Amino acid sequence: MGQKPPKDPDALYRIRTAVTEGRYIETFHGIERLNERHVNRLEIKYVLLNGKRDEIRDEFSKEHNTWAYRIEGPTLDRDKRLRIIVALKSDPLMGDVARIVSVIDITKRGRDEDR
């Protein structure tokens, strides 16, 4: 693996486009976190479409050679505040696919806690 690629300045737009067009999936880890934290898929979708990117918390994965972007925001009913970690994967036939890597309920937690 060579140098890490630069962060995508259009990541939030690309994530929202993929979600709007139904091109998003949860990883195994993402599904585990979703279930253990009692978060549903509608809450995830809402936050991805309406939340804000926390660029300072973006992380590069050497293992997957890609950036993981943090999207944070309240759920529609505002009873939770979520941090969703998303990686983008480009598919030549489908376009961008947003992969939900992890889901964190930060409603009652400090901002520095992850995973």
C-alpha atoms as a PDB file:
ATOM      1  CA  MET A   1       0.000   0.000   0.000  1.00  0.00           C
ATOM      2  CA  GLY A   2       1.288   3.400  -0.920  1.00  0.00           C
ATOM      3  CA  GLN A   3       0.404   6.717   0.574  1.00  0.00           C
ATOM      4  CA  LYS A   4      -2.991   7.171   2.080  1.00  0.00           C
ATOM      5  CA  PRO A   5      -5.405   8.989  -0.224  1.00  0.00           C
ATOM      6  CA  PRO A   6      -6.600  12.444   0.766  1.00  0.00           C
ATOM      7  CA  LYS A   7      -9.914  12.857   2.571  1.00  0.00           C
ATOM      8  CA  ASP A   8     -12.819  13.420   0.224  1.00  0.00           C
ATOM      9  CA  PRO A   9     -14.155  16.970   0.657  1.00  0.00           C
ATOM     10  CA  ASP A  10     -17.442  15.807  -0.927  1.00  0.00           C
ATOM     11  CA  ALA A  11     -17.850  12.776   1.367  1.00  0.00           C
ATOM     12  CA  LEU A  12     -21.034  14.036   3.050  1.00  0.00           C
ATOM     13  CA  TYR A  13     -22.678  14.768  -0.307  1.00  0.00           C
ATOM     14  CA  ARG A  14     -21.634  11.345  -1.652  1.00  0.00           C
ATOM     15  CA  ILE A  15     -22.897   9.583   1.496  1.00  0.00           C
ATOM     16  CA  ARG A  16     -26.247  11.383   1.329  1.00  0.00           C
ATOM     17  CA  THR A  17     -26.625  10.605  -2.372  1.00  0.00           C
ATOM     18  CA  ALA A  18     -25.881   6.915  -1.779  1.00  0.00           C
ATOM     19  CA  VAL A  19     -28.357   6.752   1.125  1.00  0.00           C
ATOM     20  CA  THR A  20     -31.069   8.592  -0.818  1.00  0.00           C
ATOM     21  CA  GLU A  21     -30.634   6.149  -3.695  1.00  0.00           C
ATOM     22  CA  GLY A  22     -30.681   3.107  -1.378  1.00  0.00           C
ATOM     23  CA  ARG A  23     -27.002   2.246  -1.819  1.00  0.00           C
ATOM     24  CA  TYR A  24     -25.984   1.706   1.784  1.00  0.00           C
ATOM     25  CA  ILE A  25     -25.269  -1.416   3.795  1.00  0.00           C
ATOM     26  CA  GLU A  26     -24.278  -2.259   7.338  1.00  0.00           C
ATOM     27  CA  THR A  27     -21.075  -4.159   8.007  1.00  0.00           C
ATOM     28  CA  PHE A  28     -21.180  -7.061  10.464  1.00  0.00           C
ATOM     29  CA  HIS A  29     -19.681  -4.782  13.124  1.00  0.00           C
ATOM     30  CA  GLY A  30     -22.239  -2.077  12.268  1.00  0.00           C
ATOM     31  CA  ILE A  31     -25.129  -4.523  12.708  1.00  0.00           C
ATOM     32  CA  GLU A  32     -23.750  -5.675  16.073  1.00  0.00           C
ATOM     33  CA  ARG A  33     -23.518  -2.087  17.336  1.00  0.00           C
ATOM     34  CA  LEU A  34     -26.941  -1.174  15.942  1.00  0.00           C
ATOM     35  CA  ASN A  35     -28.520  -4.063  17.843  1.00  0.00           C
ATOM     36  CA  GLU A  36     -26.640  -3.674  21.125  1.00  0.00           C
ATOM     37  CA  ARG A  37     -27.348   0.065  21.221  1.00  0.00           C
ATOM     38  CA  HIS A  38     -31.027  -0.294  20.321  1.00  0.00           C
ATOM     39  CA  VAL A  39     -30.803   1.901  17.239  1.00  0.00           C
ATOM     40  CA  ASN A  40     -33.051   1.230  14.264  1.00  0.00           C
ATOM     41  CA  ARG A  41     -32.345   1.665  10.569  1.00  0.00           C
ATOM     42  CA  LEU A  42     -34.736   4.610  10.202  1.00  0.00           C
ATOM     43  CA  GLU A  43     -32.781   6.491  12.869  1.00  0.00           C
ATOM     44  CA  ILE A  44     -29.539   5.761  11.028  1.00  0.00           C
ATOM     45  CA  LYS A  45     -30.972   6.907   7.719  1.00  0.00           C
ATOM     46  CA  TYR A  46     -32.339  10.108   9.266  1.00  0.00           C
ATOM     47  CA  VAL A  47     -29.000  11.028  10.843  1.00  0.00           C
ATOM     48  CA  LEU A  48     -27.070  10.271   7.649  1.00  0.00           C
ATOM     49  CA  LEU A  49     -29.399  12.512   5.654  1.00  0.00           C
ATOM     50  CA  ASN A  50     -29.605  15.340   8.206  1.00  0.00           C
ATOM     51  CA  GLY A  51     -26.551  15.127  10.456  1.00  0.00           C
ATOM     52  CA  LYS A  52     -23.250  16.956  10.253  1.00  0.00           C
ATOM     53  CA  ARG A  53     -19.853  15.554   9.418  1.00  0.00           C
ATOM     54  CA  ASP A  54     -17.300  15.758  12.221  1.00  0.00           C
ATOM     55  CA  GLU A  55     -14.235  16.120  10.001  1.00  0.00           C
ATOM     56  CA  ILE A  56     -11.811  16.207  12.933  1.00  0.00           C
ATOM     57  CA  ARG A  57     -12.848  12.645  13.838  1.00  0.00           C
ATOM     58  CA  ASP A  58     -12.466  11.164  10.336  1.00  0.00           C
ATOM     59  CA  GLU A  59     -10.077   8.200  10.477  1.00  0.00           C
ATOM     60  CA  PHE A  60      -8.021   6.396   7.885  1.00  0.00           C
ATOM     61  CA  SER A  61      -8.127   2.590   7.941  1.00  0.00           C
ATOM     62  CA  LYS A  62      -4.836   1.088   6.793  1.00  0.00           C
ATOM     63  CA  GLU A  63      -6.471  -2.350   6.767  1.00  0.00           C
ATOM     64  CA  HIS A  64      -9.127  -1.271   4.247  1.00  0.00           C
ATOM     65  CA  ASN A  65      -7.125   1.566   2.640  1.00  0.00           C
ATOM     66  CA  THR A  66     -10.047   3.964   3.006  1.00  0.00           C
ATOM     67  CA  TRP A  67     -11.338   6.832   5.102  1.00  0.00           C
ATOM     68  CA  ALA A  68     -14.108   6.401   7.665  1.00  0.00           C
ATOM     69  CA  TYR A  69     -16.242   9.499   8.066  1.00  0.00           C
ATOM     70  CA  ARG A  70     -18.184  10.480  11.210  1.00  0.00           C
ATOM     71  CA  ILE A  71     -21.704  11.805  10.816  1.00  0.00           C
ATOM     72  CA  GLU A  72     -23.427  13.067  13.966  1.00  0.00           C
ATOM     73  CA  GLY A  73     -26.898  14.300  14.727  1.00  0.00           C
ATOM     74  CA  PRO A  74     -30.149  13.820  16.592  1.00  0.00           C
ATOM     75  CA  THR A  75     -32.767  11.292  15.572  1.00  0.00           C
ATOM     76  CA  LEU A  76     -36.083  12.564  14.187  1.00  0.00           C
ATOM     77  CA  ASP A  77     -37.825  12.439  17.573  1.00  0.00           C
ATOM     78  CA  ARG A  78     -34.676  13.897  19.161  1.00  0.00           C
ATOM     79  CA  ASP A  79     -34.560  11.253  21.887  1.00  0.00           C
ATOM     80  CA  LYS A  80     -31.059  10.137  20.826  1.00  0.00           C
ATOM     81  CA  ARG A  81     -27.945  11.699  19.418  1.00  0.00           C
ATOM     82  CA  LEU A  82     -25.978   9.326  17.182  1.00  0.00           C
ATOM     83  CA  ARG A  83     -22.497   9.158  15.720  1.00  0.00           C
ATOM     84  CA  ILE A  84     -22.433   6.989  12.616  1.00  0.00           C
ATOM     85  CA  ILE A  85     -19.143   5.883  11.104  1.00  0.00           C
ATOM     86  CA  VAL A  86     -19.364   5.435   7.347  1.00  0.00           C
ATOM     87  CA  ALA A  87     -16.875   4.324   4.708  1.00  0.00           C
ATOM     88  CA  LEU A  88     -17.485   4.943   1.015  1.00  0.00           C
ATOM     89  CA  LYS A  89     -16.793   2.275  -1.555  1.00  0.00           C
ATOM     90  CA  SER A  90     -17.056   3.003  -5.253  1.00  0.00           C
ATOM     91  CA  ASP A  91     -18.528   0.292  -7.417  1.00  0.00           C
ATOM     92  CA  PRO A  92     -18.152   0.613 -11.206  1.00  0.00           C
ATOM     93  CA  LEU A  93     -21.731  -0.530 -11.786  1.00  0.00           C
ATOM     94  CA  MET A  94     -23.569   0.891  -8.765  1.00  0.00           C
ATOM     95  CA  GLY A  95     -21.599   4.029  -8.008  1.00  0.00           C
ATOM     96  CA  ASP A  96     -20.859   4.953  -4.413  1.00  0.00           C
ATOM     97  CA  VAL A  97     -21.965   2.585  -1.657  1.00  0.00           C
ATOM     98  CA  ALA A  98     -22.064   3.895   1.913  1.00  0.00           C
ATOM     99  CA  ARG A  99     -20.934   1.195   4.357  1.00  0.00           C
ATOM    100  CA  ILE A 100     -22.148   1.657   7.940  1.00  0.00           C
ATOM    101  CA  VAL A 101     -19.096   0.649   9.959  1.00  0.00           C
ATOM    102  CA  SER A 102     -20.333   1.488  13.456  1.00  0.00           C
ATOM    103  CA  VAL A 103     -23.139   3.241  15.323  1.00  0.00           C
ATOM    104  CA  ILE A 104     -22.615   5.020  18.623  1.00  0.00           C
ATOM    105  CA  ASP A 105     -25.326   6.519  20.810  1.00  0.00           C
ATOM    106  CA  ILE A 106     -23.638   9.628  22.174  1.00  0.00           C
ATOM    107  CA  THR A 107     -26.722  10.946  23.949  1.00  0.00           C
ATOM    108  CA  LYS A 108     -25.321  10.255  27.423  1.00  0.00           C
ATOM    109  CA  ARG A 109     -21.675   9.666  26.587  1.00  0.00           C
ATOM    110  CA  GLY A 110     -18.718  11.961  26.305  1.00  0.00           C
ATOM    111  CA  ARG A 111     -17.699  13.020  22.807  1.00  0.00           C
ATOM    112  CA  ASP A 112     -14.358  11.229  23.127  1.00  0.00           C
ATOM    113  CA  GLU A 113     -15.815   7.744  23.524  1.00  0.00           C
ATOM    114  CA  ASP A 114     -16.000   5.660  20.364  1.00  0.00           C
ATOM    115  CA  ARG A 115     -16.706   2.145  19.164  1.00  0.00           C
END
